[in-house]
Amino acid sequence: MIELISLIAKSLVKQPDAVSVTMVQKGNMEVYELHVAPEDMGKVIGKQGRIAKAIRAVVKAAAIKENKKISVDIV
């Protein structure tokens, strides 16, 4: 899952080396924290959060195949 989030984020930003993803277990849910450079934050979030919602939708679809509950936070 980390690789999927990294791949999507790196394709959107100007500084792909600054992209990192960490996973934190909170109960039965996996929370993935996506870190990007401050100047790339707008590209990852998008207008009215559309790109962020799309990233979350793709990752949740992949998680359903693995029977996992996940959340993606953009930090």
C-alpha atoms as a PDB file:
ATOM      1  CA  MET A   1       0.000   0.000   0.000  1.00  0.00           C
ATOM      2  CA  ILE A   2       2.895   2.337   0.778  1.00  0.00           C
ATOM      3  CA  GLU A   3       4.291   1.753  -2.705  1.00  0.00           C
ATOM      4  CA  LEU A   4       0.944   2.592  -4.315  1.00  0.00           C
ATOM      5  CA  ILE A   5       0.587   5.867  -2.404  1.00  0.00           C
ATOM      6  CA  SER A   6       4.211   6.809  -3.142  1.00  0.00           C
ATOM      7  CA  LEU A   7       3.826   6.071  -6.848  1.00  0.00           C
ATOM      8  CA  ILE A   8       0.705   8.226  -7.152  1.00  0.00           C
ATOM      9  CA  ALA A   9       2.173  11.116  -5.148  1.00  0.00           C
ATOM     10  CA  LYS A  10       5.538  11.098  -6.933  1.00  0.00           C
ATOM     11  CA  SER A  11       3.803  11.372 -10.299  1.00  0.00           C
ATOM     12  CA  LEU A  12       2.034  14.557  -9.163  1.00  0.00           C
ATOM     13  CA  VAL A  13       4.793  16.591  -7.497  1.00  0.00           C
ATOM     14  CA  LYS A  14       7.824  18.572  -8.665  1.00  0.00           C
ATOM     15  CA  GLN A  15      10.050  17.151  -5.911  1.00  0.00           C
ATOM     16  CA  PRO A  16       9.508  13.382  -5.925  1.00  0.00           C
ATOM     17  CA  ASP A  17      12.505  12.858  -3.625  1.00  0.00           C
ATOM     18  CA  ALA A  18      10.648  14.708  -0.847  1.00  0.00           C
ATOM     19  CA  VAL A  19       7.715  12.257  -0.905  1.00  0.00           C
ATOM     20  CA  SER A  20       7.525   9.806   1.978  1.00  0.00           C
ATOM     21  CA  VAL A  21       4.769   7.580   3.312  1.00  0.00           C
ATOM     22  CA  THR A  22       4.578   6.145   6.811  1.00  0.00           C
ATOM     23  CA  MET A  23       2.057   3.722   8.274  1.00  0.00           C
ATOM     24  CA  VAL A  24       0.654   3.981  11.794  1.00  0.00           C
ATOM     25  CA  GLN A  25      -1.563   1.261  13.255  1.00  0.00           C
ATOM     26  CA  LYS A  26      -4.544   2.672  15.191  1.00  0.00           C
ATOM     27  CA  GLY A  27      -6.650  -0.168  16.515  1.00  0.00           C
ATOM     28  CA  ASN A  28      -7.848  -2.216  13.563  1.00  0.00           C
ATOM     29  CA  MET A  29      -7.209   0.642  11.111  1.00  0.00           C
ATOM     30  CA  GLU A  30      -4.031   1.430   9.204  1.00  0.00           C
ATOM     31  CA  VAL A  31      -3.356   5.161   8.837  1.00  0.00           C
ATOM     32  CA  TYR A  32      -0.975   6.143   6.045  1.00  0.00           C
ATOM     33  CA  GLU A  33       0.648   9.566   6.375  1.00  0.00           C
ATOM     34  CA  LEU A  34       1.763  11.120   3.097  1.00  0.00           C
ATOM     35  CA  HIS A  35       4.507  13.730   3.480  1.00  0.00           C
ATOM     36  CA  VAL A  36       5.370  16.041   0.571  1.00  0.00           C
ATOM     37  CA  ALA A  37       7.349  19.257   0.163  1.00  0.00           C
ATOM     38  CA  PRO A  38       5.377  22.346   1.265  1.00  0.00           C
ATOM     39  CA  GLU A  39       5.343  23.795  -2.262  1.00  0.00           C
ATOM     40  CA  ASP A  40       3.863  20.545  -3.611  1.00  0.00           C
ATOM     41  CA  MET A  41       1.055  20.365  -1.059  1.00  0.00           C
ATOM     42  CA  GLY A  42      -1.403  22.146  -3.371  1.00  0.00           C
ATOM     43  CA  LYS A  43      -0.742  19.711  -6.204  1.00  0.00           C
ATOM     44  CA  VAL A  44      -1.443  16.705  -4.000  1.00  0.00           C
ATOM     45  CA  ILE A  45      -4.605  18.207  -2.505  1.00  0.00           C
ATOM     46  CA  GLY A  46      -5.939  19.779  -5.713  1.00  0.00           C
ATOM     47  CA  LYS A  47      -8.791  22.220  -6.187  1.00  0.00           C
ATOM     48  CA  GLN A  48     -11.411  21.662  -3.502  1.00  0.00           C
ATOM     49  CA  GLY A  49      -9.544  18.506  -2.454  1.00  0.00           C
ATOM     50  CA  ARG A  50     -10.405  16.590  -5.608  1.00  0.00           C
ATOM     51  CA  ILE A  51      -6.995  14.982  -6.085  1.00  0.00           C
ATOM     52  CA  ALA A  52      -6.768  14.055  -2.396  1.00  0.00           C
ATOM     53  CA  LYS A  53     -10.205  12.423  -2.615  1.00  0.00           C
ATOM     54  CA  ALA A  54      -9.144  10.519  -5.730  1.00  0.00           C
ATOM     55  CA  ILE A  55      -5.980   9.255  -4.029  1.00  0.00           C
ATOM     56  CA  ARG A  56      -8.028   8.099  -1.037  1.00  0.00           C
ATOM     57  CA  ALA A  57     -10.567   6.378  -3.309  1.00  0.00           C
ATOM     58  CA  VAL A  58      -7.901   4.425  -5.202  1.00  0.00           C
ATOM     59  CA  VAL A  59      -6.142   3.361  -2.010  1.00  0.00           C
ATOM     60  CA  LYS A  60      -9.413   2.355  -0.329  1.00  0.00           C
ATOM     61  CA  ALA A  61     -10.330   0.268  -3.371  1.00  0.00           C
ATOM     62  CA  ALA A  62      -6.997  -1.538  -3.087  1.00  0.00           C
ATOM     63  CA  ALA A  63      -7.556  -2.012   0.661  1.00  0.00           C
ATOM     64  CA  ILE A  64     -10.966  -3.603   0.092  1.00  0.00           C
ATOM     65  CA  LYS A  65      -9.283  -6.329  -1.959  1.00  0.00           C
ATOM     66  CA  GLU A  66      -7.102  -7.069   1.092  1.00  0.00           C
ATOM     67  CA  ASN A  67      -9.972  -6.728   3.624  1.00  0.00           C
ATOM     68  CA  LYS A  68      -8.274  -3.829   5.421  1.00  0.00           C
ATOM     69  CA  LYS A  69      -9.551  -0.576   6.868  1.00  0.00           C
ATOM     70  CA  ILE A  70      -7.307   2.306   5.930  1.00  0.00           C
ATOM     71  CA  SER A  71      -7.078   6.070   6.012  1.00  0.00           C
ATOM     72  CA  VAL A  72      -4.746   8.406   4.101  1.00  0.00           C
ATOM     73  CA  ASP A  73      -3.646  11.652   5.757  1.00  0.00           C
ATOM     74  CA  ILE A  74      -1.721  14.274   3.812  1.00  0.00           C
ATOM     75  CA  VAL A  75       0.756  15.981   6.115  1.00  0.00           C
END
